[in-house]
């Protein structure tokens, strides 16, 4: 645990994955469903739990599409050049 949050570091921001929180406030220990998963556009291929990203404010809307980010470090990168990360 190397950062100020007490969480293990990751590739882009020092966050650790957490179990998603359900609408009723309980933690879903079974893991996210396929509908609740996305891939971070900045850290290509890095899985993102949509509900966790929403709760943490790690989302960006660009040209009518919502993008979920894996960590706070990806936000400024996406904001600086969204076309780079949204090009198909």
Protein backbone atom coordinates (compact mmCIF):
# COMPACT_ATOMS: atom_id res chain seq x y z
CA UNK A 1 0.00 0.00 0.00
CA UNK A 2 1.89 2.91 -1.32
CA UNK A 3 -0.45 5.84 -1.63
CA UNK A 4 -2.30 8.17 0.69
CA UNK A 5 -5.59 6.29 0.37
CA UNK A 6 -4.15 3.11 1.85
CA UNK A 7 -4.96 1.21 -1.33
CA UNK A 8 -2.62 -0.79 -3.48
CA UNK A 9 -1.26 1.16 -6.45
CA UNK A 10 -2.46 0.49 -9.97
CA UNK A 11 -1.18 1.41 -13.38
CA UNK A 12 -2.83 4.81 -13.58
CA UNK A 13 -3.92 6.23 -10.29
CA UNK A 14 -3.43 4.07 -7.24
CA UNK A 15 -6.99 2.87 -6.96
CA UNK A 16 -7.97 -0.65 -6.16
CA UNK A 17 -10.99 -2.35 -7.65
CA UNK A 18 -14.00 -2.52 -5.38
CA UNK A 19 -17.18 -4.55 -5.39
CA UNK A 20 -20.04 -2.65 -7.00
CA UNK A 21 -22.72 -1.11 -4.81
CA UNK A 22 -26.30 -2.06 -5.63
CA UNK A 23 -29.15 0.45 -5.87
CA UNK A 24 -30.28 -0.48 -2.35
CA UNK A 25 -26.84 0.41 -0.96
CA UNK A 26 -25.66 -3.15 -0.38
CA UNK A 27 -22.38 -4.40 -1.83
CA UNK A 28 -22.80 -6.91 -4.64
CA UNK A 29 -20.36 -9.64 -3.63
CA UNK A 30 -21.21 -11.72 -6.68
CA UNK A 31 -19.52 -9.20 -8.93
CA UNK A 32 -20.82 -7.03 -11.73
CA UNK A 33 -23.05 -8.24 -14.52
CA UNK A 34 -22.04 -7.93 -18.16
CA UNK A 35 -24.41 -4.96 -18.47
CA UNK A 36 -22.47 -3.17 -15.72
CA UNK A 37 -19.06 -3.60 -17.36
CA UNK A 38 -17.20 -1.37 -19.80
CA UNK A 39 -13.63 -0.89 -20.95
CA UNK A 40 -11.74 2.28 -20.10
CA UNK A 41 -11.09 4.21 -23.33
CA UNK A 42 -7.82 5.64 -21.97
CA UNK A 43 -6.31 2.46 -20.52
CA UNK A 44 -7.51 0.31 -23.38
CA UNK A 45 -8.78 -3.07 -22.29
CA UNK A 46 -8.88 -2.17 -18.59
CA UNK A 47 -12.27 -3.31 -17.25
CA UNK A 48 -14.51 -0.78 -15.54
CA UNK A 49 -17.56 -1.44 -13.39
CA UNK A 50 -19.97 1.20 -14.69
CA UNK A 51 -21.85 1.62 -11.42
CA UNK A 52 -18.62 2.13 -9.48
CA UNK A 53 -17.35 4.63 -12.05
CA UNK A 54 -20.67 6.50 -11.90
CA UNK A 55 -20.53 6.64 -8.11
CA UNK A 56 -16.96 7.97 -8.24
CA UNK A 57 -17.69 10.54 -10.96
CA UNK A 58 -15.41 8.74 -13.41
CA UNK A 59 -17.60 9.24 -16.47
CA UNK A 60 -17.41 11.51 -19.47
CA UNK A 61 -20.08 12.24 -22.05
CA UNK A 62 -18.75 13.01 -25.50
CA UNK A 63 -20.79 13.48 -28.68
CA UNK A 64 -23.83 11.76 -27.17
CA UNK A 65 -21.98 8.72 -25.84
CA UNK A 66 -21.05 7.98 -22.23
CA UNK A 67 -17.54 6.72 -21.44
CA UNK A 68 -16.53 5.13 -18.13
CA UNK A 69 -12.99 5.64 -16.82
CA UNK A 70 -11.00 3.27 -14.63
CA UNK A 71 -9.44 5.94 -12.40
CA UNK A 72 -9.14 9.66 -11.73
CA UNK A 73 -5.85 9.77 -13.63
CA UNK A 74 -7.66 8.96 -16.88
CA UNK A 75 -10.04 11.94 -16.62
CA UNK A 76 -7.55 14.69 -17.55
CA UNK A 77 -6.13 12.57 -20.37
CA UNK A 78 -9.59 11.97 -21.82
CA UNK A 79 -10.56 15.64 -21.37
CA UNK A 80 -7.42 16.85 -23.17
CA UNK A 81 -8.08 14.83 -26.34
CA UNK A 82 -11.40 12.95 -26.30
CA UNK A 83 -11.20 12.18 -30.04
CA UNK A 84 -8.00 10.23 -29.44
CA UNK A 85 -9.81 7.91 -27.04
CA UNK A 86 -13.15 7.64 -28.82
CA UNK A 87 -11.99 6.94 -32.37
CA UNK A 88 -13.15 3.51 -33.51
